[in-house]
């Protein structure tokens, strides 16, 4: 799993249409965090297993419990997390980031 920070400096470089603000209740935020945490493989001490430096900045790769293939992409995983947090989205139609963004835009 590739984990990267999104600082305000990084967000400034994106186009406005590439950012969708999502408001979550505390309960739904906690559901999302629980979903994310379940995706990490843990060692015998229950620590995330680091695999190495990521692609940019302070990003890192971690071992994941998830398995990806043509129909289960990182976008589907992301959409499932949103669904767990009660955001209306259909993960089965979220194969691309463009589709994820389109679905989220409709719900604004």
C-alpha atoms as a PDB file:
ATOM      1  CA  UNK A   1       0.000   0.000   0.000  1.00  0.00           C
ATOM      2  CA  UNK A   2       1.402   3.398  -0.962  1.00  0.00           C
ATOM      3  CA  UNK A   3       0.796   6.028   1.731  1.00  0.00           C
ATOM      4  CA  UNK A   4       1.516   9.697   1.047  1.00  0.00           C
ATOM      5  CA  UNK A   5       0.819  12.934   2.838  1.00  0.00           C
ATOM      6  CA  UNK A   6      -1.242  15.646   1.198  1.00  0.00           C
ATOM      7  CA  UNK A   7      -0.014  18.954   2.531  1.00  0.00           C
ATOM      8  CA  UNK A   8      -1.664  22.236   1.625  1.00  0.00           C
ATOM      9  CA  UNK A   9       1.383  22.963  -0.575  1.00  0.00           C
ATOM     10  CA  UNK A  10       0.729  19.811  -2.606  1.00  0.00           C
ATOM     11  CA  UNK A  11      -2.999  20.540  -2.860  1.00  0.00           C
ATOM     12  CA  UNK A  12      -2.286  24.016  -4.275  1.00  0.00           C
ATOM     13  CA  UNK A  13      -0.807  22.354  -7.378  1.00  0.00           C
ATOM     14  CA  UNK A  14      -4.065  20.562  -8.220  1.00  0.00           C
ATOM     15  CA  UNK A  15      -6.835  21.974 -10.389  1.00  0.00           C
ATOM     16  CA  UNK A  16     -10.051  22.855  -8.597  1.00  0.00           C
ATOM     17  CA  UNK A  17     -11.898  20.009 -10.365  1.00  0.00           C
ATOM     18  CA  UNK A  18      -9.361  17.514  -8.952  1.00  0.00           C
ATOM     19  CA  UNK A  19     -10.425  18.246  -5.358  1.00  0.00           C
ATOM     20  CA  UNK A  20     -13.743  17.285  -3.810  1.00  0.00           C
ATOM     21  CA  UNK A  21     -14.284  18.180  -0.179  1.00  0.00           C
ATOM     22  CA  UNK A  22     -16.113  15.472   1.737  1.00  0.00           C
ATOM     23  CA  UNK A  23     -17.652  16.215   5.091  1.00  0.00           C
ATOM     24  CA  UNK A  24     -17.845  13.303   7.516  1.00  0.00           C
ATOM     25  CA  UNK A  25     -19.466  12.949  10.883  1.00  0.00           C
ATOM     26  CA  UNK A  26     -17.138  11.772  13.617  1.00  0.00           C
ATOM     27  CA  UNK A  27     -18.812   8.350  13.473  1.00  0.00           C
ATOM     28  CA  UNK A  28     -18.280   8.023   9.705  1.00  0.00           C
ATOM     29  CA  UNK A  29     -14.710   9.319   9.993  1.00  0.00           C
ATOM     30  CA  UNK A  30     -14.035   6.568  12.539  1.00  0.00           C
ATOM     31  CA  UNK A  31     -15.582   3.980  10.188  1.00  0.00           C
ATOM     32  CA  UNK A  32     -13.227   5.145   7.428  1.00  0.00           C
ATOM     33  CA  UNK A  33     -10.178   4.990   9.715  1.00  0.00           C
ATOM     34  CA  UNK A  34     -11.141   1.469  10.811  1.00  0.00           C
ATOM     35  CA  UNK A  35     -11.457   0.425   7.139  1.00  0.00           C
ATOM     36  CA  UNK A  36      -8.046   1.904   6.321  1.00  0.00           C
ATOM     37  CA  UNK A  37      -6.394   0.261   9.330  1.00  0.00           C
ATOM     38  CA  UNK A  38      -7.776  -3.163   8.354  1.00  0.00           C
ATOM     39  CA  UNK A  39      -5.987  -2.861   5.013  1.00  0.00           C
ATOM     40  CA  UNK A  40      -2.504  -2.942   6.574  1.00  0.00           C
ATOM     41  CA  UNK A  41      -0.736  -6.237   7.236  1.00  0.00           C
ATOM     42  CA  UNK A  42       0.737  -6.315  10.735  1.00  0.00           C
ATOM     43  CA  UNK A  43       3.814  -8.009  12.172  1.00  0.00           C
ATOM     44  CA  UNK A  44       3.784 -10.097  15.367  1.00  0.00           C
ATOM     45  CA  UNK A  45       3.970  -6.863  17.419  1.00  0.00           C
ATOM     46  CA  UNK A  46       0.918  -5.466  15.581  1.00  0.00           C
ATOM     47  CA  UNK A  47       2.977  -2.833  13.741  1.00  0.00           C
ATOM     48  CA  UNK A  48       2.541  -1.936  10.080  1.00  0.00           C
ATOM     49  CA  UNK A  49       5.102  -3.700   7.903  1.00  0.00           C
ATOM     50  CA  UNK A  50       7.180  -1.100   6.052  1.00  0.00           C
ATOM     51  CA  UNK A  51       8.377  -2.114   2.600  1.00  0.00           C
ATOM     52  CA  UNK A  52      10.342   0.973   1.650  1.00  0.00           C
ATOM     53  CA  UNK A  53      10.404   4.551   0.504  1.00  0.00           C
ATOM     54  CA  UNK A  54       7.479   5.678  -1.629  1.00  0.00           C
ATOM     55  CA  UNK A  55       7.411   7.430  -4.965  1.00  0.00           C
ATOM     56  CA  UNK A  56       7.572  11.009  -3.701  1.00  0.00           C
ATOM     57  CA  UNK A  57       8.109  13.193  -0.639  1.00  0.00           C
ATOM     58  CA  UNK A  58       7.595  11.414   2.651  1.00  0.00           C
ATOM     59  CA  UNK A  59       5.550   8.615   1.107  1.00  0.00           C
ATOM     60  CA  UNK A  60       6.108   4.983   2.085  1.00  0.00           C
ATOM     61  CA  UNK A  61       5.056   1.533   0.920  1.00  0.00           C
ATOM     62  CA  UNK A  62       3.506  -0.860   3.445  1.00  0.00           C
ATOM     63  CA  UNK A  63       2.444  -4.487   3.164  1.00  0.00           C
ATOM     64  CA  UNK A  64      -1.300  -4.724   2.638  1.00  0.00           C
ATOM     65  CA  UNK A  65      -3.963  -7.329   3.284  1.00  0.00           C
ATOM     66  CA  UNK A  66      -5.579  -6.307   0.010  1.00  0.00           C
ATOM     67  CA  UNK A  67      -5.069  -8.094  -3.289  1.00  0.00           C
ATOM     68  CA  UNK A  68      -5.465  -6.150  -6.485  1.00  0.00           C
ATOM     69  CA  UNK A  69      -6.404  -7.241  -9.991  1.00  0.00           C
ATOM     70  CA  UNK A  70      -8.132  -5.833 -13.074  1.00  0.00           C
ATOM     71  CA  UNK A  71     -11.512  -5.454 -11.356  1.00  0.00           C
ATOM     72  CA  UNK A  72     -10.253  -4.627  -7.876  1.00  0.00           C
ATOM     73  CA  UNK A  73      -8.113  -1.551  -8.332  1.00  0.00           C
ATOM     74  CA  UNK A  74      -6.956   1.036  -5.827  1.00  0.00           C
ATOM     75  CA  UNK A  75      -9.936   3.123  -6.973  1.00  0.00           C
ATOM     76  CA  UNK A  76     -12.373   0.339  -6.064  1.00  0.00           C
ATOM     77  CA  UNK A  77     -10.645   0.049  -2.663  1.00  0.00           C
ATOM     78  CA  UNK A  78     -10.996   3.818  -2.184  1.00  0.00           C
ATOM     79  CA  UNK A  79     -14.678   3.731  -3.172  1.00  0.00           C
ATOM     80  CA  UNK A  80     -15.314   0.884  -0.719  1.00  0.00           C
ATOM     81  CA  UNK A  81     -13.808   3.031   2.030  1.00  0.00           C
ATOM     82  CA  UNK A  82     -16.116   5.895   1.095  1.00  0.00           C
ATOM     83  CA  UNK A  83     -19.091   3.526   1.096  1.00  0.00           C
ATOM     84  CA  UNK A  84     -18.146   2.247   4.569  1.00  0.00           C
ATOM     85  CA  UNK A  85     -18.167   5.900   5.686  1.00  0.00           C
ATOM     86  CA  UNK A  86     -21.743   6.254   4.338  1.00  0.00           C
ATOM     87  CA  UNK A  87     -20.767   8.288   1.295  1.00  0.00           C
ATOM     88  CA  UNK A  88     -23.053   7.329  -1.604  1.00  0.00           C
ATOM     89  CA  UNK A  89     -20.830   5.606  -4.158  1.00  0.00           C
ATOM     90  CA  UNK A  90     -20.874   2.351  -6.133  1.00  0.00           C
ATOM     91  CA  UNK A  91     -17.457   0.662  -5.860  1.00  0.00           C
ATOM     92  CA  UNK A  92     -18.273  -1.740  -8.721  1.00  0.00           C
ATOM     93  CA  UNK A  93     -18.300   1.301 -11.042  1.00  0.00           C
ATOM     94  CA  UNK A  94     -15.105   2.808  -9.628  1.00  0.00           C
ATOM     95  CA  UNK A  95     -12.408   1.183 -11.734  1.00  0.00           C
ATOM     96  CA  UNK A  96     -10.809   4.527 -12.582  1.00  0.00           C
ATOM     97  CA  UNK A  97     -10.109   7.666 -10.568  1.00  0.00           C
ATOM     98  CA  UNK A  98     -12.201   9.603 -13.093  1.00  0.00           C
ATOM     99  CA  UNK A  99     -15.224   7.474 -12.240  1.00  0.00           C
ATOM    100  CA  UNK A 100     -14.660   7.892  -8.498  1.00  0.00           C
ATOM    101  CA  UNK A 101     -14.539  11.664  -8.950  1.00  0.00           C
ATOM    102  CA  UNK A 102     -17.643  11.610 -11.172  1.00  0.00           C
ATOM    103  CA  UNK A 103     -19.629   9.667  -8.590  1.00  0.00           C
ATOM    104  CA  UNK A 104     -18.497  11.942  -5.758  1.00  0.00           C
ATOM    105  CA  UNK A 105     -19.348  15.056  -7.807  1.00  0.00           C
ATOM    106  CA  UNK A 106     -22.930  13.852  -8.286  1.00  0.00           C
ATOM    107  CA  UNK A 107     -23.357  13.590  -4.534  1.00  0.00           C
ATOM    108  CA  UNK A 108     -22.249  17.132  -3.722  1.00  0.00           C
END
